[in-house]
PDB file of all heavy atoms in Angstrom:
ATOM      1  N   VAL A   1       3.256   2.072  -3.598  1.00  0.00           N
ATOM      2  CA  VAL A   1       2.159   2.983  -3.921  1.00  0.00           C
ATOM      3  C   VAL A   1       1.302   2.297  -4.973  1.00  0.00           C
ATOM      4  O   VAL A   1       1.809   1.818  -5.978  1.00  0.00           O
ATOM      5  CB  VAL A   1       2.681   4.336  -4.460  1.00  0.00           C
ATOM      6  CG1 VAL A   1       1.520   5.242  -4.840  1.00  0.00           C
ATOM      7  CG2 VAL A   1       3.582   5.013  -3.444  1.00  0.00           C
ATOM      8  N   ALA A   2      -0.013   2.255  -4.732  1.00  0.00           N
ATOM      9  CA  ALA A   2      -0.948   1.639  -5.674  1.00  0.00           C
ATOM     10  C   ALA A   2      -1.944   2.694  -6.135  1.00  0.00           C
ATOM     11  O   ALA A   2      -2.436   3.488  -5.327  1.00  0.00           O
ATOM     12  CB  ALA A   2      -1.682   0.481  -5.003  1.00  0.00           C
ATOM     13  N   GLY A   3      -2.231   2.696  -7.429  1.00  0.00           N
ATOM     14  CA  GLY A   3      -3.194   3.640  -7.980  1.00  0.00           C
ATOM     15  C   GLY A   3      -4.594   3.052  -7.975  1.00  0.00           C
ATOM     16  O   GLY A   3      -4.789   1.876  -8.270  1.00  0.00           O
ATOM     17  N   LEU A   4      -5.571   3.882  -7.610  1.00  0.00           N
ATOM     18  CA  LEU A   4      -6.970   3.475  -7.626  1.00  0.00           C
ATOM     19  C   LEU A   4      -7.671   4.152  -8.802  1.00  0.00           C
ATOM     20  O   LEU A   4      -7.387   5.307  -9.112  1.00  0.00           O
ATOM     21  CB  LEU A   4      -7.668   3.896  -6.333  1.00  0.00           C
ATOM     22  CG  LEU A   4      -7.101   3.343  -5.028  1.00  0.00           C
ATOM     23  CD1 LEU A   4      -7.808   3.981  -3.844  1.00  0.00           C
ATOM     24  CD2 LEU A   4      -7.266   1.837  -4.984  1.00  0.00           C
ATOM     25  N   GLU A   5      -8.567   3.448  -9.444  1.00  0.00           N
ATOM     26  CA  GLU A   5      -9.364   4.049 -10.507  1.00  0.00           C
ATOM     27  C   GLU A   5     -10.474   4.888  -9.888  1.00  0.00           C
ATOM     28  O   GLU A   5     -10.906   4.639  -8.760  1.00  0.00           O
ATOM     29  CB  GLU A   5      -9.955   2.953 -11.398  1.00  0.00           C
ATOM     30  CG  GLU A   5      -8.894   2.185 -12.167  1.00  0.00           C
ATOM     31  CD  GLU A   5      -9.504   1.181 -13.121  1.00  0.00           C
ATOM     32  OE1 GLU A   5     -10.680   1.348 -13.491  1.00  0.00           O
ATOM     33  OE2 GLU A   5      -8.801   0.235 -13.485  1.00  0.00           O
ATOM     34  N   GLU A   6     -10.950   5.881 -10.640  1.00  0.00           N
ATOM     35  CA  GLU A   6     -12.014   6.748 -10.130  1.00  0.00           C
ATOM     36  C   GLU A   6     -13.285   5.982  -9.809  1.00  0.00           C
ATOM     37  O   GLU A   6     -14.067   6.406  -8.954  1.00  0.00           O
ATOM     38  CB  GLU A   6     -12.305   7.867 -11.124  1.00  0.00           C
ATOM     39  CG  GLU A   6     -11.208   8.897 -11.178  1.00  0.00           C
ATOM     40  CD  GLU A   6     -11.570  10.094 -12.029  1.00  0.00           C
ATOM     41  OE1 GLU A   6     -12.767  10.369 -12.205  1.00  0.00           O
ATOM     42  OE2 GLU A   6     -10.639  10.753 -12.513  1.00  0.00           O
ATOM     43  N   ALA A   7     -13.510   4.851 -10.473  1.00  0.00           N
ATOM     44  CA  ALA A   7     -14.715   4.054 -10.242  1.00  0.00           C
ATOM     45  C   ALA A   7     -14.609   3.185  -8.994  1.00  0.00           C
ATOM     46  O   ALA A   7     -15.521   2.432  -8.682  1.00  0.00           O
ATOM     47  CB  ALA A   7     -15.001   3.185 -11.462  1.00  0.00           C
ATOM     48  N   MET A   8     -13.486   3.287  -8.255  1.00  0.00           N
ATOM     49  CA  MET A   8     -13.277   2.463  -7.068  1.00  0.00           C
ATOM     50  C   MET A   8     -13.271   3.310  -5.807  1.00  0.00           C
ATOM     51  O   MET A   8     -12.807   4.446  -5.818  1.00  0.00           O
ATOM     52  CB  MET A   8     -11.936   1.736  -7.151  1.00  0.00           C
ATOM     53  CG  MET A   8     -11.832   0.734  -8.239  1.00  0.00           C
ATOM     54  SD  MET A   8     -10.194  -0.037  -8.165  1.00  0.00           S
ATOM     55  CE  MET A   8     -10.333  -1.182  -9.502  1.00  0.00           C
ATOM     56  N   THR A   9     -13.773   2.714  -4.739  1.00  0.00           N
ATOM     57  CA  THR A   9     -13.700   3.329  -3.423  1.00  0.00           C
ATOM     58  C   THR A   9     -12.818   2.443  -2.552  1.00  0.00           C
ATOM     59  O   THR A   9     -13.043   1.236  -2.463  1.00  0.00           O
ATOM     60  CB  THR A   9     -15.103   3.433  -2.782  1.00  0.00           C
ATOM     61  OG1 THR A   9     -15.943   4.186  -3.647  1.00  0.00           O
ATOM     62  CG2 THR A   9     -15.047   4.101  -1.434  1.00  0.00           C
ATOM     63  N   PHE A  10     -11.834   3.034  -1.914  1.00  0.00           N
ATOM     64  CA  PHE A  10     -10.943   2.314  -1.020  1.00  0.00           C
ATOM     65  C   PHE A  10     -11.718   1.841   0.200  1.00  0.00           C
ATOM     66  O   PHE A  10     -12.494   2.591   0.795  1.00  0.00           O
ATOM     67  CB  PHE A  10      -9.788   3.231  -0.600  1.00  0.00           C
ATOM     68  CG  PHE A  10      -8.947   2.683   0.507  1.00  0.00           C
ATOM     69  CD1 PHE A  10      -8.108   1.610   0.288  1.00  0.00           C
ATOM     70  CD2 PHE A  10      -9.005   3.238   1.770  1.00  0.00           C
ATOM     71  CE1 PHE A  10      -7.329   1.104   1.309  1.00  0.00           C
ATOM     72  CE2 PHE A  10      -8.233   2.743   2.801  1.00  0.00           C
ATOM     73  CZ  PHE A  10      -7.392   1.675   2.573  1.00  0.00           C
ATOM     74  N   VAL A  11     -11.521   0.569   0.578  1.00  0.00           N
ATOM     75  CA  VAL A  11     -12.197  -0.009   1.741  1.00  0.00           C
ATOM     76  C   VAL A  11     -11.201  -0.309   2.846  1.00  0.00           C
ATOM     77  O   VAL A  11     -11.373   0.099   3.994  1.00  0.00           O
ATOM     78  CB  VAL A  11     -12.971  -1.308   1.363  1.00  0.00           C
ATOM     79  CG1 VAL A  11     -13.576  -1.964   2.593  1.00  0.00           C
ATOM     80  CG2 VAL A  11     -14.042  -1.002   0.326  1.00  0.00           C
ATOM     81  N   ASN A  12     -10.122  -1.032   2.513  1.00  0.00           N
ATOM     82  CA  ASN A  12      -9.196  -1.491   3.543  1.00  0.00           C
ATOM     83  C   ASN A  12      -7.848  -1.830   2.923  1.00  0.00           C
ATOM     84  O   ASN A  12      -7.774  -2.210   1.762  1.00  0.00           O
ATOM     85  CB  ASN A  12      -9.778  -2.734   4.235  1.00  0.00           C
ATOM     86  CG  ASN A  12      -8.951  -3.190   5.411  1.00  0.00           C
ATOM     87  OD1 ASN A  12      -8.468  -2.382   6.186  1.00  0.00           O
ATOM     88  ND2 ASN A  12      -8.797  -4.493   5.558  1.00  0.00           N
ATOM     89  N   ALA A  13      -6.804  -1.711   3.734  1.00  0.00           N
ATOM     90  CA  ALA A  13      -5.462  -2.132   3.328  1.00  0.00           C
ATOM     91  C   ALA A  13      -4.838  -2.919   4.461  1.00  0.00           C
ATOM     92  O   ALA A  13      -5.027  -2.589   5.635  1.00  0.00           O
ATOM     93  CB  ALA A  13      -4.600  -0.923   2.995  1.00  0.00           C
ATOM     94  N   ASP A  14      -4.109  -3.956   4.103  1.00  0.00           N
ATOM     95  CA  ASP A  14      -3.453  -4.797   5.088  1.00  0.00           C
ATOM     96  C   ASP A  14      -2.074  -5.161   4.564  1.00  0.00           C
ATOM     97  O   ASP A  14      -1.919  -5.430   3.368  1.00  0.00           O
ATOM     98  CB  ASP A  14      -4.277  -6.063   5.336  1.00  0.00           C
ATOM     99  CG  ASP A  14      -3.723  -6.904   6.462  1.00  0.00           C
ATOM    100  OD1 ASP A  14      -3.230  -6.317   7.460  1.00  0.00           O
ATOM    101  OD2 ASP A  14      -3.769  -8.138   6.367  1.00  0.00           O
ATOM    102  N   GLY A  15      -1.090  -5.150   5.426  1.00  0.00           N
ATOM    103  CA  GLY A  15       0.263  -5.517   5.018  1.00  0.00           C
ATOM    104  C   GLY A  15       1.225  -5.318   6.163  1.00  0.00           C
ATOM    105  O   GLY A  15       0.823  -4.983   7.282  1.00  0.00           O
ATOM    106  N   PRO A  16       2.519  -5.490   5.883  1.00  0.00           N
ATOM    107  CA  PRO A  16       3.516  -5.352   6.938  1.00  0.00           C
ATOM    108  C   PRO A  16       3.716  -3.907   7.394  1.00  0.00           C
ATOM    109  O   PRO A  16       4.299  -3.671   8.442  1.00  0.00           O
ATOM    110  CB  PRO A  16       4.792  -5.920   6.312  1.00  0.00           C
ATOM    111  CG  PRO A  16       4.566  -5.865   4.847  1.00  0.00           C
ATOM    112  CD  PRO A  16       3.087  -5.953   4.631  1.00  0.00           C
ATOM    113  N   THR A  17       3.233  -2.926   6.614  1.00  0.00           N
ATOM    114  CA  THR A  17       3.263  -1.519   7.020  1.00  0.00           C
ATOM    115  C   THR A  17       1.873  -0.923   6.794  1.00  0.00           C
ATOM    116  O   THR A  17       1.077  -1.454   6.026  1.00  0.00           O
ATOM    117  CB  THR A  17       4.322  -0.715   6.235  1.00  0.00           C
ATOM    118  OG1 THR A  17       4.006  -0.775   4.840  1.00  0.00           O
ATOM    119  CG2 THR A  17       5.727  -1.257   6.467  1.00  0.00           C
ATOM    120  N   ASP A  18       1.589   0.186   7.450  1.00  0.00           N
ATOM    121  CA  ASP A  18       0.281   0.827   7.348  1.00  0.00           C
ATOM    122  C   ASP A  18       0.095   1.508   5.997  1.00  0.00           C
ATOM    123  O   ASP A  18       1.033   2.071   5.430  1.00  0.00           O
ATOM    124  CB  ASP A  18       0.108   1.874   8.455  1.00  0.00           C
ATOM    125  CG  ASP A  18       0.022   1.244   9.838  1.00  0.00           C
ATOM    126  OD1 ASP A  18      -0.396   0.075   9.924  1.00  0.00           O
ATOM    127  OD2 ASP A  18       0.370   1.921  10.818  1.00  0.00           O
ATOM    128  N   GLY A  19      -1.136   1.469   5.503  1.00  0.00           N
ATOM    129  CA  GLY A  19      -1.487   2.123   4.247  1.00  0.00           C
ATOM    130  C   GLY A  19      -2.479   3.240   4.490  1.00  0.00           C
ATOM    131  O   GLY A  19      -3.290   3.180   5.413  1.00  0.00           O
ATOM    132  N   ALA A  20      -2.395   4.281   3.648  1.00  0.00           N
ATOM    133  CA  ALA A  20      -3.317   5.406   3.747  1.00  0.00           C
ATOM    134  C   ALA A  20      -3.654   5.906   2.352  1.00  0.00           C
ATOM    135  O   ALA A  20      -2.793   5.959   1.474  1.00  0.00           O
ATOM    136  CB  ALA A  20      -2.703   6.523   4.578  1.00  0.00           C
ATOM    137  N   GLN A  21      -4.908   6.291   2.160  1.00  0.00           N
ATOM    138  CA  GLN A  21      -5.352   6.800   0.869  1.00  0.00           C
ATOM    139  C   GLN A  21      -4.984   8.272   0.750  1.00  0.00           C
ATOM    140  O   GLN A  21      -5.161   9.051   1.684  1.00  0.00           O
ATOM    141  CB  GLN A  21      -6.860   6.637   0.712  1.00  0.00           C
ATOM    142  CG  GLN A  21      -7.359   7.079  -0.640  1.00  0.00           C
ATOM    143  CD  GLN A  21      -8.848   6.885  -0.810  1.00  0.00           C
ATOM    144  OE1 GLN A  21      -9.555   6.503   0.105  1.00  0.00           O
ATOM    145  NE2 GLN A  21      -9.331   7.156  -1.996  1.00  0.00           N
ATOM    146  N   GLU A  22      -4.463   8.632  -0.429  1.00  0.00           N
ATOM    147  CA  GLU A  22      -4.121  10.019  -0.751  1.00  0.00           C
ATOM    148  C   GLU A  22      -4.671  10.284  -2.141  1.00  0.00           C
ATOM    149  O   GLU A  22      -4.020   9.970  -3.139  1.00  0.00           O
ATOM    150  CB  GLU A  22      -2.609  10.217  -0.723  1.00  0.00           C
ATOM    151  CG  GLU A  22      -1.965   9.924   0.621  1.00  0.00           C
ATOM    152  CD  GLU A  22      -0.446   9.878   0.568  1.00  0.00           C
ATOM    153  OE1 GLU A  22       0.136  10.120  -0.515  1.00  0.00           O
ATOM    154  OE2 GLU A  22       0.162   9.585   1.605  1.00  0.00           O
ATOM    155  N   GLY A  23      -5.892  10.804  -2.228  1.00  0.00           N
ATOM    156  CA  GLY A  23      -6.527  11.006  -3.529  1.00  0.00           C
ATOM    157  C   GLY A  23      -6.802   9.669  -4.175  1.00  0.00           C
ATOM    158  O   GLY A  23      -7.427   8.802  -3.578  1.00  0.00           O
ATOM    159  N   LEU A  24      -6.305   9.470  -5.399  1.00  0.00           N
ATOM    160  CA  LEU A  24      -6.490   8.193  -6.097  1.00  0.00           C
ATOM    161  C   LEU A  24      -5.322   7.238  -5.876  1.00  0.00           C
ATOM    162  O   LEU A  24      -5.210   6.222  -6.554  1.00  0.00           O
ATOM    163  CB  LEU A  24      -6.692   8.434  -7.591  1.00  0.00           C
ATOM    164  CG  LEU A  24      -8.019   9.080  -7.976  1.00  0.00           C
ATOM    165  CD1 LEU A  24      -8.089   9.331  -9.479  1.00  0.00           C
ATOM    166  CD2 LEU A  24      -9.196   8.230  -7.527  1.00  0.00           C
ATOM    167  N   ASN A  25      -4.446   7.556  -4.931  1.00  0.00           N
ATOM    168  CA  ASN A  25      -3.324   6.675  -4.615  1.00  0.00           C
ATOM    169  C   ASN A  25      -3.463   6.114  -3.212  1.00  0.00           C
ATOM    170  O   ASN A  25      -4.010   6.763  -2.323  1.00  0.00           O
ATOM    171  CB  ASN A  25      -1.989   7.417  -4.715  1.00  0.00           C
ATOM    172  CG  ASN A  25      -1.608   7.706  -6.136  1.00  0.00           C
ATOM    173  OD1 ASN A  25      -1.846   6.902  -7.031  1.00  0.00           O
ATOM    174  ND2 ASN A  25      -1.017   8.853  -6.371  1.00  0.00           N
ATOM    175  N   LEU A  26      -2.940   4.925  -3.032  1.00  0.00           N
ATOM    176  CA  LEU A  26      -2.841   4.298  -1.731  1.00  0.00           C
ATOM    177  C   LEU A  26      -1.362   4.118  -1.464  1.00  0.00           C
ATOM    178  O   LEU A  26      -0.677   3.425  -2.221  1.00  0.00           O
ATOM    179  CB  LEU A  26      -3.560   2.942  -1.727  1.00  0.00           C
ATOM    180  CG  LEU A  26      -3.491   2.154  -0.443  1.00  0.00           C
ATOM    181  CD1 LEU A  26      -4.177   2.930   0.685  1.00  0.00           C
ATOM    182  CD2 LEU A  26      -4.142   0.806  -0.614  1.00  0.00           C
ATOM    183  N   SER A  27      -0.857   4.779  -0.436  1.00  0.00           N
ATOM    184  CA  SER A  27       0.566   4.718  -0.107  1.00  0.00           C
ATOM    185  C   SER A  27       0.759   3.962   1.194  1.00  0.00           C
ATOM    186  O   SER A  27       0.051   4.195   2.167  1.00  0.00           O
ATOM    187  CB  SER A  27       1.148   6.123   0.036  1.00  0.00           C
ATOM    188  OG  SER A  27       1.050   6.826  -1.171  1.00  0.00           O
ATOM    189  N   PHE A  28       1.742   3.079   1.185  1.00  0.00           N
ATOM    190  CA  PHE A  28       2.103   2.342   2.390  1.00  0.00           C
ATOM    191  C   PHE A  28       3.368   2.955   2.974  1.00  0.00           C
ATOM    192  O   PHE A  28       4.239   3.428   2.229  1.00  0.00           O
ATOM    193  CB  PHE A  28       2.359   0.867   2.070  1.00  0.00           C
ATOM    194  CG  PHE A  28       1.110   0.108   1.731  1.00  0.00           C
ATOM    195  CD1 PHE A  28       0.652   0.037   0.425  1.00  0.00           C
ATOM    196  CD2 PHE A  28       0.380  -0.523   2.723  1.00  0.00           C
ATOM    197  CE1 PHE A  28      -0.506  -0.659   0.103  1.00  0.00           C
ATOM    198  CE2 PHE A  28      -0.777  -1.217   2.419  1.00  0.00           C
ATOM    199  CZ  PHE A  28      -1.222  -1.287   1.110  1.00  0.00           C
ATOM    200  N   ALA A  29       3.465   2.947   4.294  1.00  0.00           N
ATOM    201  CA  ALA A  29       4.689   3.402   4.952  1.00  0.00           C
ATOM    202  C   ALA A  29       5.842   2.531   4.455  1.00  0.00           C
ATOM    203  O   ALA A  29       5.652   1.349   4.144  1.00  0.00           O
ATOM    204  CB  ALA A  29       4.544   3.291   6.467  1.00  0.00           C
ATOM    205  N   PRO A  30       7.053   3.104   4.365  1.00  0.00           N
ATOM    206  CA  PRO A  30       8.193   2.325   3.862  1.00  0.00           C
ATOM    207  C   PRO A  30       8.460   1.073   4.702  1.00  0.00           C
ATOM    208  O   PRO A  30       8.339   1.094   5.930  1.00  0.00           O
ATOM    209  CB  PRO A  30       9.362   3.295   3.955  1.00  0.00           C
ATOM    210  CG  PRO A  30       8.732   4.642   3.932  1.00  0.00           C
ATOM    211  CD  PRO A  30       7.411   4.483   4.650  1.00  0.00           C
ATOM    212  N   LEU A  31       8.807   0.005   4.021  1.00  0.00           N
ATOM    213  CA  LEU A  31       9.218  -1.241   4.663  1.00  0.00           C
ATOM    214  C   LEU A  31      10.712  -1.118   4.928  1.00  0.00           C
ATOM    215  O   LEU A  31      11.493  -0.893   3.994  1.00  0.00           O
ATOM    216  CB  LEU A  31       8.917  -2.417   3.737  1.00  0.00           C
ATOM    217  CG  LEU A  31       9.230  -3.820   4.240  1.00  0.00           C
ATOM    218  CD1 LEU A  31       8.405  -4.138   5.495  1.00  0.00           C
ATOM    219  CD2 LEU A  31       8.949  -4.843   3.160  1.00  0.00           C
ATOM    220  N   ALA A  32      11.107  -1.222   6.178  1.00  0.00           N
ATOM    221  CA  ALA A  32      12.501  -0.964   6.569  1.00  0.00           C
ATOM    222  C   ALA A  32      13.483  -1.879   5.844  1.00  0.00           C
ATOM    223  O   ALA A  32      14.470  -1.406   5.277  1.00  0.00           O
ATOM    224  CB  ALA A  32      12.665  -1.099   8.081  1.00  0.00           C
ATOM    225  N   THR A  33      13.232  -3.188   5.847  1.00  0.00           N
ATOM    226  CA  THR A  33      14.151  -4.133   5.198  1.00  0.00           C
ATOM    227  C   THR A  33      13.390  -5.314   4.610  1.00  0.00           C
ATOM    228  O   THR A  33      12.306  -5.667   5.082  1.00  0.00           O
ATOM    229  CB  THR A  33      15.196  -4.695   6.188  1.00  0.00           C
ATOM    230  OG1 THR A  33      14.526  -5.388   7.232  1.00  0.00           O
ATOM    231  CG2 THR A  33      16.074  -3.599   6.771  1.00  0.00           C
ATOM    232  N   LEU A  34      14.009  -5.905   3.599  1.00  0.00           N
ATOM    233  CA  LEU A  34      13.492  -7.139   3.007  1.00  0.00           C
ATOM    234  C   LEU A  34      14.705  -7.984   2.631  1.00  0.00           C
ATOM    235  O   LEU A  34      15.517  -7.584   1.801  1.00  0.00           O
ATOM    236  CB  LEU A  34      12.624  -6.850   1.781  1.00  0.00           C
ATOM    237  CG  LEU A  34      11.864  -8.036   1.182  1.00  0.00           C
ATOM    238  CD1 LEU A  34      10.913  -8.637   2.221  1.00  0.00           C
ATOM    239  CD2 LEU A  34      11.087  -7.600  -0.041  1.00  0.00           C
ATOM    240  N   THR A  35      14.829  -9.126   3.269  1.00  0.00           N
ATOM    241  CA  THR A  35      16.002  -9.974   3.071  1.00  0.00           C
ATOM    242  C   THR A  35      16.011 -10.599   1.676  1.00  0.00           C
ATOM    243  O   THR A  35      14.969 -10.718   1.031  1.00  0.00           O
ATOM    244  CB  THR A  35      16.035 -11.105   4.118  1.00  0.00           C
ATOM    245  OG1 THR A  35      14.831 -11.859   4.002  1.00  0.00           O
ATOM    246  CG2 THR A  35      16.152 -10.546   5.527  1.00  0.00           C
ATOM    247  N   PRO A  36      17.176 -11.025   1.197  1.00  0.00           N
ATOM    248  CA  PRO A  36      17.235 -11.700  -0.103  1.00  0.00           C
ATOM    249  C   PRO A  36      16.302 -12.907  -0.116  1.00  0.00           C
ATOM    250  O   PRO A  36      16.284 -13.711   0.817  1.00  0.00           O
ATOM    251  CB  PRO A  36      18.694 -12.140  -0.210  1.00  0.00           C
ATOM    252  CG  PRO A  36      19.438 -11.179   0.655  1.00  0.00           C
ATOM    253  CD  PRO A  36      18.506 -10.879   1.800  1.00  0.00           C
ATOM    254  N   GLY A  37      15.483 -12.994  -1.149  1.00  0.00           N
ATOM    255  CA  GLY A  37      14.510 -14.079  -1.258  1.00  0.00           C
ATOM    256  C   GLY A  37      13.245 -13.847  -0.444  1.00  0.00           C
ATOM    257  O   GLY A  37      12.298 -14.615  -0.536  1.00  0.00           O
ATOM    258  N   GLY A  38      13.223 -12.772   0.338  1.00  0.00           N
ATOM    259  CA  GLY A  38      12.071 -12.487   1.188  1.00  0.00           C
ATOM    260  C   GLY A  38      10.911 -11.891   0.413  1.00  0.00           C
ATOM    261  O   GLY A  38      11.093 -11.344  -0.680  1.00  0.00           O
ATOM    262  N   GLU A  39       9.726 -12.026   0.967  1.00  0.00           N
ATOM    263  CA  GLU A  39       8.515 -11.482   0.352  1.00  0.00           C
ATOM    264  C   GLU A  39       7.750 -10.640   1.366  1.00  0.00           C
ATOM    265  O   GLU A  39       7.762 -10.928   2.558  1.00  0.00           O
ATOM    266  CB  GLU A  39       7.583 -12.594  -0.129  1.00  0.00           C
ATOM    267  CG  GLU A  39       8.038 -13.316  -1.350  1.00  0.00           C
ATOM    268  CD  GLU A  39       6.984 -14.273  -1.873  1.00  0.00           C
ATOM    269  OE1 GLU A  39       5.983 -14.546  -1.176  1.00  0.00           O
ATOM    270  OE2 GLU A  39       7.174 -14.758  -2.996  1.00  0.00           O
ATOM    271  N   ALA A  40       7.091  -9.616   0.857  1.00  0.00           N
ATOM    272  CA  ALA A  40       6.163  -8.811   1.644  1.00  0.00           C
ATOM    273  C   ALA A  40       4.854  -8.808   0.873  1.00  0.00           C
ATOM    274  O   ALA A  40       4.838  -8.562  -0.334  1.00  0.00           O
ATOM    275  CB  ALA A  40       6.691  -7.399   1.826  1.00  0.00           C
TER     276      ALA A  40
END
């Protein structure tokens, strides 16, 4: 979950799961797994 400042307008989100704006927050769907040493 990422917080947006009031002075910002959400444009786009990209990642291994879908993101959606909820007020001043941007929430991504849960990532099922992340292996040791792995990055998302």
